[in-house]
Amino acid sequence: MINLFTVDDGNLVPLQRTQLPKEDMLEAWIAKDPKILGLNVVLIGRQIVTDFGGRIDILAIDRGGNLTIVELKRDKSPREIVAQILDYASWVCKLSAKDVYGIASEYLGKSLDAIFLDAFGIAVPENLNTAHNMVIIASELDASQSESSSTCLKFTT
């Protein structure tokens, strides 16, 4: 487990862990400022419904046209989270460029071309969705998911 501290009167004071009342608070914070993910991405969708009824919390795209799936848990992540995000990735990897354009346009209200120009200062890459990242954000991971006490797992497909 990673401990966080604040400075109070020149002294380091450990921050108390608390559980967020609702997961959508975290999702809203990330939507407002995706840089808190530590990734250079633009959000192109939230609560994306997959063909098998799942909901991807956040879908983002990087300057290379690669998609990032972000799954959020407001507390300790259950073991099943890895299977869940792998299911999402199996759906995302089948998205066509037209699908990606549609998701982005529906969420942001403008074309992916405009989004890329605004965010990255470049045109949309010719080949979209050729690689994927899966990111799990939780206050704590189930011990069986990681030998380290990391608060974030990142998978690349």
N, C-alpha and C. Protein backbone atom coordinates (compact mmCIF):
# COMPACT_ATOMS: atom_id res chain seq x y z
N MET A 1 0.83 -1.17 0.00
CA MET A 1 0.00 0.00 0.00
C MET A 1 0.89 1.24 0.00
N ILE A 2 0.54 2.20 -0.83
CA ILE A 2 1.28 3.45 -0.90
C ILE A 2 0.67 4.43 0.08
N ASN A 3 1.52 5.05 0.89
CA ASN A 3 1.04 6.05 1.83
C ASN A 3 1.21 7.43 1.23
N LEU A 4 0.24 8.28 1.45
CA LEU A 4 0.30 9.66 1.01
C LEU A 4 0.40 10.57 2.21
N PHE A 5 1.08 11.70 2.01
CA PHE A 5 1.30 12.63 3.11
C PHE A 5 0.95 14.04 2.69
N THR A 6 0.69 14.88 3.65
CA THR A 6 0.53 16.30 3.44
C THR A 6 1.51 17.01 4.36
N VAL A 7 1.79 18.26 4.07
CA VAL A 7 2.69 19.03 4.92
C VAL A 7 1.84 19.93 5.80
N ASP A 8 2.04 19.82 7.11
CA ASP A 8 1.30 20.64 8.06
C ASP A 8 2.31 21.27 9.02
N ASP A 9 2.43 22.58 8.93
CA ASP A 9 3.35 23.33 9.79
C ASP A 9 4.79 22.79 9.68
N GLY A 10 5.18 22.45 8.44
CA GLY A 10 6.54 21.98 8.19
C GLY A 10 6.76 20.51 8.48
N ASN A 11 5.72 19.79 8.88
CA ASN A 11 5.84 18.37 9.20
C ASN A 11 5.03 17.53 8.22
N LEU A 12 5.55 16.34 7.91
CA LEU A 12 4.78 15.39 7.10
C LEU A 12 3.74 14.71 7.98
N VAL A 13 2.51 14.73 7.50
CA VAL A 13 1.42 14.11 8.23
C VAL A 13 0.73 13.12 7.29
N PRO A 14 0.61 11.84 7.71
CA PRO A 14 -0.04 10.87 6.82
C PRO A 14 -1.51 11.24 6.59
N LEU A 15 -1.93 11.10 5.34
CA LEU A 15 -3.34 11.33 5.02
C LEU A 15 -4.15 10.10 5.39
N GLN A 16 -5.33 10.32 5.88
CA GLN A 16 -6.22 9.21 6.23
C GLN A 16 -6.91 8.70 4.97
N ARG A 17 -6.99 7.40 4.83
CA ARG A 17 -7.70 6.81 3.69
C ARG A 17 -9.20 6.88 3.96
N THR A 18 -9.92 7.30 2.94
CA THR A 18 -11.37 7.30 3.03
C THR A 18 -11.93 6.73 1.74
N GLN A 19 -13.12 6.21 1.84
CA GLN A 19 -13.78 5.66 0.66
C GLN A 19 -14.64 6.75 0.03
N LEU A 20 -14.56 6.87 -1.28
CA LEU A 20 -15.42 7.81 -1.97
C LEU A 20 -16.87 7.35 -1.84
N PRO A 21 -17.79 8.27 -1.64
CA PRO A 21 -19.19 7.86 -1.53
C PRO A 21 -19.73 7.27 -2.83
N LYS A 22 -19.23 7.81 -3.99
CA LYS A 22 -19.71 7.32 -5.27
C LYS A 22 -18.55 7.28 -6.27
N GLU A 23 -18.52 6.22 -7.06
CA GLU A 23 -17.48 6.06 -8.08
C GLU A 23 -17.54 7.15 -9.13
N ASP A 24 -18.74 7.65 -9.41
CA ASP A 24 -18.86 8.66 -10.46
C ASP A 24 -18.17 9.98 -10.10
N MET A 25 -17.86 10.18 -8.82
CA MET A 25 -17.07 11.35 -8.43
C MET A 25 -15.69 11.27 -9.07
N LEU A 26 -15.06 10.12 -8.95
CA LEU A 26 -13.74 9.90 -9.53
C LEU A 26 -13.80 10.04 -11.05
N GLU A 27 -14.83 9.47 -11.64
CA GLU A 27 -14.99 9.56 -13.09
C GLU A 27 -15.13 11.02 -13.54
N ALA A 28 -15.89 11.81 -12.80
CA ALA A 28 -16.07 13.22 -13.14
C ALA A 28 -14.76 14.00 -13.01
N TRP A 29 -13.98 13.70 -11.98
CA TRP A 29 -12.69 14.38 -11.82
C TRP A 29 -11.76 14.08 -12.98
N ILE A 30 -11.74 12.82 -13.40
CA ILE A 30 -10.89 12.43 -14.53
C ILE A 30 -11.40 13.06 -15.82
N ALA A 31 -12.71 13.10 -16.00
CA ALA A 31 -13.28 13.71 -17.21
C ALA A 31 -12.92 15.20 -17.27
N LYS A 32 -12.90 15.85 -16.13
CA LYS A 32 -12.58 17.28 -16.09
C LYS A 32 -11.09 17.51 -16.37
N ASP A 33 -10.23 16.62 -15.88
CA ASP A 33 -8.79 16.78 -16.08
C ASP A 33 -8.14 15.41 -16.27
N PRO A 34 -8.15 14.89 -17.50
CA PRO A 34 -7.60 13.56 -17.77
C PRO A 34 -6.11 13.42 -17.44
N LYS A 35 -5.41 14.54 -17.28
CA LYS A 35 -3.98 14.48 -16.96
C LYS A 35 -3.73 13.81 -15.62
N ILE A 36 -4.74 13.76 -14.74
CA ILE A 36 -4.52 13.10 -13.46
C ILE A 36 -4.28 11.60 -13.63
N LEU A 37 -4.58 11.07 -14.80
CA LEU A 37 -4.28 9.67 -15.09
C LEU A 37 -2.78 9.45 -15.30
N GLY A 38 -2.06 10.54 -15.58
CA GLY A 38 -0.65 10.41 -15.88
C GLY A 38 -0.41 9.94 -17.30
N LEU A 39 -1.42 10.06 -18.14
CA LEU A 39 -1.33 9.64 -19.53
C LEU A 39 -1.64 10.82 -20.44
N ASN A 40 -1.05 10.84 -21.61
CA ASN A 40 -1.34 11.89 -22.59
C ASN A 40 -2.45 11.39 -23.50
N VAL A 41 -3.69 11.53 -23.01
CA VAL A 41 -4.86 11.04 -23.72
C VAL A 41 -5.97 12.08 -23.70
N VAL A 42 -6.92 11.87 -24.59
CA VAL A 42 -8.16 12.64 -24.61
C VAL A 42 -9.30 11.66 -24.40
N LEU A 43 -10.19 11.99 -23.50
CA LEU A 43 -11.36 11.15 -23.29
C LEU A 43 -12.27 11.25 -24.49
N ILE A 44 -12.71 10.10 -24.98
CA ILE A 44 -13.65 10.11 -26.11
C ILE A 44 -14.98 9.48 -25.72
N GLY A 45 -15.08 8.96 -24.50
CA GLY A 45 -16.35 8.39 -24.07
C GLY A 45 -16.35 8.01 -22.61
N ARG A 46 -17.56 8.06 -22.04
CA ARG A 46 -17.78 7.63 -20.66
C ARG A 46 -19.01 6.72 -20.63
N GLN A 47 -18.92 5.69 -19.81
CA GLN A 47 -20.01 4.75 -19.65
C GLN A 47 -20.45 4.18 -21.01
N ILE A 48 -19.46 3.71 -21.75
CA ILE A 48 -19.68 3.14 -23.09
C ILE A 48 -20.25 1.73 -22.91
N VAL A 49 -21.42 1.50 -23.47
CA VAL A 49 -22.06 0.19 -23.37
C VAL A 49 -21.51 -0.72 -24.45
N THR A 50 -21.01 -1.88 -24.02
CA THR A 50 -20.46 -2.85 -24.97
C THR A 50 -21.58 -3.73 -25.52
N ASP A 51 -21.27 -4.52 -26.52
CA ASP A 51 -22.26 -5.42 -27.12
C ASP A 51 -22.74 -6.50 -26.15
N PHE A 52 -21.94 -6.79 -25.12
CA PHE A 52 -22.34 -7.82 -24.16
C PHE A 52 -22.90 -7.22 -22.87
N GLY A 53 -23.24 -5.93 -22.91
CA GLY A 53 -23.93 -5.30 -21.78
C GLY A 53 -23.04 -4.69 -20.71
N GLY A 54 -21.74 -4.79 -20.87
CA GLY A 54 -20.84 -4.15 -19.91
C GLY A 54 -20.78 -2.65 -20.15
N ARG A 55 -20.21 -1.93 -19.20
CA ARG A 55 -20.05 -0.47 -19.33
C ARG A 55 -18.60 -0.09 -19.06
N ILE A 56 -17.95 0.43 -20.07
CA ILE A 56 -16.59 0.92 -19.91
C ILE A 56 -16.68 2.28 -19.25
N ASP A 57 -16.04 2.43 -18.09
CA ASP A 57 -16.12 3.70 -17.36
C ASP A 57 -15.62 4.85 -18.21
N ILE A 58 -14.41 4.71 -18.71
CA ILE A 58 -13.80 5.78 -19.52
C ILE A 58 -13.06 5.14 -20.70
N LEU A 59 -13.26 5.74 -21.87
CA LEU A 59 -12.51 5.34 -23.05
C LEU A 59 -11.76 6.57 -23.54
N ALA A 60 -10.48 6.42 -23.77
CA ALA A 60 -9.64 7.54 -24.18
C ALA A 60 -8.80 7.13 -25.39
N ILE A 61 -8.20 8.14 -26.01
CA ILE A 61 -7.34 7.89 -27.18
C ILE A 61 -6.07 8.71 -27.03
N ASP A 62 -4.94 8.12 -27.45
CA ASP A 62 -3.68 8.86 -27.39
C ASP A 62 -3.33 9.40 -28.77
N ARG A 63 -2.24 10.12 -28.86
CA ARG A 63 -1.86 10.78 -30.11
C ARG A 63 -1.51 9.78 -31.22
N GLY A 64 -1.25 8.54 -30.86
CA GLY A 64 -0.98 7.50 -31.85
C GLY A 64 -2.24 6.80 -32.34
N GLY A 65 -3.40 7.21 -31.82
CA GLY A 65 -4.67 6.59 -32.21
C GLY A 65 -4.96 5.31 -31.46
N ASN A 66 -4.21 5.05 -30.38
CA ASN A 66 -4.42 3.86 -29.57
C ASN A 66 -5.44 4.16 -28.49
N LEU A 67 -6.30 3.19 -28.21
CA LEU A 67 -7.36 3.38 -27.22
C LEU A 67 -6.91 2.92 -25.84
N THR A 68 -7.40 3.62 -24.83
CA THR A 68 -7.14 3.28 -23.44
C THR A 68 -8.47 3.08 -22.74
N ILE A 69 -8.61 1.92 -22.12
CA ILE A 69 -9.79 1.59 -21.33
C ILE A 69 -9.44 1.86 -19.88
N VAL A 70 -10.26 2.66 -19.21
CA VAL A 70 -10.02 2.96 -17.80
C VAL A 70 -11.20 2.43 -16.99
N GLU A 71 -10.90 1.55 -16.07
CA GLU A 71 -11.92 0.99 -15.18
C GLU A 71 -11.68 1.53 -13.78
N LEU A 72 -12.71 2.08 -13.18
CA LEU A 72 -12.60 2.72 -11.87
C LEU A 72 -13.32 1.92 -10.80
N LYS A 73 -12.70 1.87 -9.64
CA LYS A 73 -13.33 1.29 -8.45
C LYS A 73 -13.09 2.26 -7.31
N ARG A 74 -14.12 2.62 -6.61
CA ARG A 74 -14.00 3.64 -5.56
C ARG A 74 -13.31 3.12 -4.31
N ASP A 75 -13.18 1.83 -4.20
CA ASP A 75 -12.58 1.22 -3.03
C ASP A 75 -11.64 0.13 -3.52
N LYS A 76 -11.45 -0.87 -2.71
CA LYS A 76 -10.62 -2.01 -3.08
C LYS A 76 -11.24 -2.72 -4.28
N SER A 77 -10.42 -3.05 -5.24
CA SER A 77 -10.94 -3.70 -6.44
C SER A 77 -11.18 -5.18 -6.17
N PRO A 78 -12.28 -5.69 -6.67
CA PRO A 78 -12.52 -7.14 -6.54
C PRO A 78 -11.64 -7.90 -7.52
N ARG A 79 -11.43 -9.17 -7.25
CA ARG A 79 -10.62 -10.03 -8.13
C ARG A 79 -11.10 -10.02 -9.56
N GLU A 80 -12.39 -9.92 -9.74
CA GLU A 80 -13.00 -10.04 -11.06
C GLU A 80 -12.68 -8.86 -11.99
N ILE A 81 -12.09 -7.83 -11.45
CA ILE A 81 -11.82 -6.63 -12.24
C ILE A 81 -10.91 -6.93 -13.44
N VAL A 82 -9.97 -7.84 -13.27
CA VAL A 82 -9.07 -8.17 -14.37
C VAL A 82 -9.85 -8.84 -15.50
N ALA A 83 -10.72 -9.76 -15.18
CA ALA A 83 -11.55 -10.40 -16.21
C ALA A 83 -12.47 -9.37 -16.87
N GLN A 84 -13.00 -8.47 -16.08
CA GLN A 84 -13.90 -7.44 -16.60
C GLN A 84 -13.18 -6.55 -17.62
N ILE A 85 -12.00 -6.09 -17.29
CA ILE A 85 -11.29 -5.20 -18.21
C ILE A 85 -10.79 -5.95 -19.45
N LEU A 86 -10.48 -7.23 -19.30
CA LEU A 86 -10.11 -8.04 -20.46
C LEU A 86 -11.31 -8.22 -21.40
N ASP A 87 -12.50 -8.40 -20.82
CA ASP A 87 -13.72 -8.46 -21.64
C ASP A 87 -13.91 -7.16 -22.43
N TYR A 88 -13.71 -6.04 -21.75
CA TYR A 88 -13.84 -4.74 -22.41
C TYR A 88 -12.82 -4.62 -23.54
N ALA A 89 -11.59 -5.07 -23.30
CA ALA A 89 -10.55 -4.98 -24.32
C ALA A 89 -10.88 -5.84 -25.53
N SER A 90 -11.48 -7.00 -25.29
CA SER A 90 -11.85 -7.86 -26.42
C SER A 90 -12.92 -7.20 -27.28
N TRP A 91 -13.76 -6.37 -26.67
CA TRP A 91 -14.76 -5.62 -27.42
C TRP A 91 -14.12 -4.44 -28.14
N VAL A 92 -13.28 -3.69 -27.43
CA VAL A 92 -12.64 -2.49 -27.97
C VAL A 92 -11.75 -2.84 -29.17
N CYS A 93 -11.04 -3.96 -29.10
CA CYS A 93 -10.12 -4.29 -30.19
C CYS A 93 -10.84 -4.53 -31.51
N LYS A 94 -12.14 -4.76 -31.46
CA LYS A 94 -12.92 -4.98 -32.68
C LYS A 94 -13.56 -3.71 -33.22
N LEU A 95 -13.39 -2.58 -32.52
CA LEU A 95 -13.98 -1.33 -32.99
C LEU A 95 -13.29 -0.87 -34.27
N SER A 96 -14.08 -0.49 -35.25
CA SER A 96 -13.53 0.06 -36.49
C SER A 96 -13.22 1.54 -36.29
N ALA A 97 -12.53 2.11 -37.25
CA ALA A 97 -12.26 3.55 -37.20
C ALA A 97 -13.57 4.31 -37.18
N LYS A 98 -14.55 3.85 -37.95
CA LYS A 98 -15.87 4.50 -37.96
C LYS A 98 -16.51 4.46 -36.58
N ASP A 99 -16.37 3.34 -35.87
CA ASP A 99 -16.91 3.22 -34.51
C ASP A 99 -16.23 4.22 -33.57
N VAL A 100 -14.91 4.32 -33.66
CA VAL A 100 -14.14 5.23 -32.81
C VAL A 100 -14.57 6.67 -33.08
N TYR A 101 -14.69 7.02 -34.37
CA TYR A 101 -15.16 8.36 -34.73
C TYR A 101 -16.54 8.62 -34.13
N GLY A 102 -17.43 7.63 -34.22
CA GLY A 102 -18.79 7.79 -33.71
C GLY A 102 -18.84 7.97 -32.20
N ILE A 103 -18.08 7.18 -31.48
CA ILE A 103 -18.03 7.28 -30.01
C ILE A 103 -17.54 8.66 -29.60
N ALA A 104 -16.46 9.11 -30.24
CA ALA A 104 -15.88 10.41 -29.90
C ALA A 104 -16.84 11.54 -30.22
N SER A 105 -17.45 11.48 -31.38
CA SER A 105 -18.37 12.53 -31.80
C SER A 105 -19.59 12.60 -30.88
N GLU A 106 -20.10 11.45 -30.51
CA GLU A 106 -21.27 11.42 -29.62
C GLU A 106 -20.94 12.00 -28.25
N TYR A 107 -19.78 11.67 -27.72
CA TYR A 107 -19.40 12.14 -26.38
C TYR A 107 -19.00 13.61 -26.37
N LEU A 108 -18.17 14.01 -27.33
CA LEU A 108 -17.61 15.36 -27.30
C LEU A 108 -18.36 16.38 -28.18
N GLY A 109 -19.24 15.88 -29.03
CA GLY A 109 -20.03 16.80 -29.86
C GLY A 109 -19.25 17.44 -30.99
N LYS A 110 -18.09 16.89 -31.30
CA LYS A 110 -17.34 17.37 -32.46
C LYS A 110 -16.57 16.20 -33.05
N SER A 111 -16.02 16.41 -34.23
CA SER A 111 -15.36 15.32 -34.94
C SER A 111 -14.04 14.94 -34.28
N LEU A 112 -13.65 13.71 -34.49
CA LEU A 112 -12.36 13.24 -33.99
C LEU A 112 -11.22 14.05 -34.62
N ASP A 113 -11.41 14.49 -35.85
CA ASP A 113 -10.39 15.33 -36.50
C ASP A 113 -10.16 16.61 -35.70
N ALA A 114 -11.25 17.27 -35.29
CA ALA A 114 -11.14 18.50 -34.49
C ALA A 114 -10.57 18.22 -33.12
N ILE A 115 -10.94 17.09 -32.54
CA ILE A 115 -10.45 16.71 -31.21
C ILE A 115 -8.93 16.54 -31.26
N PHE A 116 -8.43 15.83 -32.27
CA PHE A 116 -6.99 15.60 -32.41
C PHE A 116 -6.22 16.90 -32.61
N LEU A 117 -6.77 17.74 -33.46
CA LEU A 117 -6.10 19.01 -33.73
C LEU A 117 -6.04 19.84 -32.45
N ASP A 118 -7.14 19.91 -31.70
CA ASP A 118 -7.16 20.67 -30.45
C ASP A 118 -6.21 20.09 -29.40
N ALA A 119 -6.26 18.78 -29.24
CA ALA A 119 -5.52 18.14 -28.15
C ALA A 119 -4.04 17.91 -28.46
N PHE A 120 -3.76 17.49 -29.67
CA PHE A 120 -2.40 17.07 -30.00
C PHE A 120 -1.72 17.93 -31.06
N GLY A 121 -2.49 18.78 -31.73
CA GLY A 121 -1.93 19.62 -32.78
C GLY A 121 -1.55 18.87 -34.03
N ILE A 122 -2.15 17.69 -34.21
CA ILE A 122 -1.86 16.87 -35.39
C ILE A 122 -3.16 16.30 -35.94
N ALA A 123 -3.07 15.74 -37.14
CA ALA A 123 -4.22 15.05 -37.74
C ALA A 123 -4.36 13.67 -37.10
N VAL A 124 -5.55 13.12 -37.22
CA VAL A 124 -5.80 11.76 -36.72
C VAL A 124 -4.90 10.80 -37.49
N PRO A 125 -4.23 9.89 -36.77
CA PRO A 125 -3.39 8.91 -37.48
C PRO A 125 -4.21 8.09 -38.47
N GLU A 126 -3.55 7.67 -39.51
CA GLU A 126 -4.23 6.88 -40.55
C GLU A 126 -4.79 5.58 -39.98
N ASN A 127 -4.01 4.92 -39.13
CA ASN A 127 -4.45 3.66 -38.53
C ASN A 127 -4.87 3.89 -37.09
N LEU A 128 -6.15 3.71 -36.83
CA LEU A 128 -6.68 3.85 -35.47
C LEU A 128 -6.85 2.49 -34.82
N ASN A 129 -6.75 2.50 -33.50
CA ASN A 129 -7.12 1.33 -32.71
C ASN A 129 -6.28 0.11 -33.03
N THR A 130 -4.98 0.31 -33.17
CA THR A 130 -4.09 -0.83 -33.44
C THR A 130 -3.47 -1.39 -32.17
N ALA A 131 -3.51 -0.62 -31.08
CA ALA A 131 -3.00 -1.07 -29.79
C ALA A 131 -3.91 -0.52 -28.71
N HIS A 132 -3.87 -1.14 -27.55
CA HIS A 132 -4.78 -0.77 -26.47
C HIS A 132 -4.06 -0.78 -25.14
N ASN A 133 -4.50 0.08 -24.26
CA ASN A 133 -4.04 0.07 -22.88
C ASN A 133 -5.26 -0.15 -21.99
N MET A 134 -5.05 -0.89 -20.92
CA MET A 134 -6.10 -1.11 -19.93
C MET A 134 -5.56 -0.62 -18.60
N VAL A 135 -6.30 0.27 -17.97
CA VAL A 135 -5.88 0.85 -16.71
C VAL A 135 -6.96 0.63 -15.67
N ILE A 136 -6.57 0.12 -14.53
CA ILE A 136 -7.48 -0.06 -13.40
C ILE A 136 -7.07 0.94 -12.33
N ILE A 137 -8.03 1.71 -11.87
CA ILE A 137 -7.77 2.67 -10.81
C ILE A 137 -8.65 2.30 -9.62
N ALA A 138 -8.00 2.05 -8.50
CA ALA A 138 -8.70 1.67 -7.28
C ALA A 138 -7.88 2.13 -6.09
N SER A 139 -8.53 2.22 -4.95
CA SER A 139 -7.78 2.63 -3.75
C SER A 139 -6.82 1.53 -3.31
N GLU A 140 -7.17 0.30 -3.66
CA GLU A 140 -6.34 -0.84 -3.27
C GLU A 140 -6.69 -2.01 -4.18
N LEU A 141 -5.71 -2.83 -4.49
CA LEU A 141 -5.95 -4.02 -5.30
C LEU A 141 -6.04 -5.25 -4.41
N ASP A 142 -6.89 -6.15 -4.80
CA ASP A 142 -6.98 -7.44 -4.14
C ASP A 142 -5.59 -8.06 -4.19
N ALA A 143 -5.12 -8.61 -3.10
CA ALA A 143 -3.75 -9.14 -3.02
C ALA A 143 -3.46 -10.18 -4.10
N SER A 144 -4.48 -10.89 -4.56
CA SER A 144 -4.26 -11.91 -5.58
C SER A 144 -4.03 -11.32 -6.96
N GLN A 145 -4.28 -10.02 -7.14
CA GLN A 145 -4.10 -9.39 -8.44
C GLN A 145 -2.69 -8.89 -8.68
N SER A 146 -1.99 -8.62 -7.63
CA SER A 146 -0.67 -8.03 -7.79
C SER A 146 0.21 -8.40 -6.61
N GLU A 147 1.44 -8.79 -6.90
CA GLU A 147 2.35 -9.10 -5.80
C GLU A 147 2.81 -7.83 -5.12
N SER A 148 2.82 -6.72 -5.86
CA SER A 148 3.20 -5.45 -5.25
C SER A 148 1.94 -4.78 -4.70
N SER A 149 2.11 -3.73 -3.97
CA SER A 149 0.97 -3.03 -3.40
C SER A 149 0.61 -1.81 -4.25
N SER A 150 0.67 -1.98 -5.53
CA SER A 150 0.36 -0.89 -6.45
C SER A 150 -1.10 -0.48 -6.37
N THR A 151 -1.36 0.78 -6.69
CA THR A 151 -2.75 1.24 -6.72
C THR A 151 -3.26 1.32 -8.15
N CYS A 152 -2.47 0.90 -9.11
CA CYS A 152 -2.91 0.97 -10.50
C CYS A 152 -2.23 -0.15 -11.28
N LEU A 153 -3.02 -0.87 -12.05
CA LEU A 153 -2.46 -1.86 -12.97
C LEU A 153 -2.63 -1.33 -14.37
N LYS A 154 -1.62 -1.49 -15.19
CA LYS A 154 -1.73 -1.09 -16.58
C LYS A 154 -1.38 -2.29 -17.42
N PHE A 155 -2.28 -2.64 -18.32
CA PHE A 155 -2.06 -3.74 -19.25
C PHE A 155 -2.03 -3.16 -20.65
N THR A 156 -1.21 -3.70 -21.50
CA THR A 156 -1.17 -3.28 -22.89
C THR A 156 -1.45 -4.49 -23.75
N THR A 157 -2.34 -4.32 -24.74
CA THR A 157 -2.63 -5.42 -25.65
C THR A 157 -2.17 -5.08 -27.04
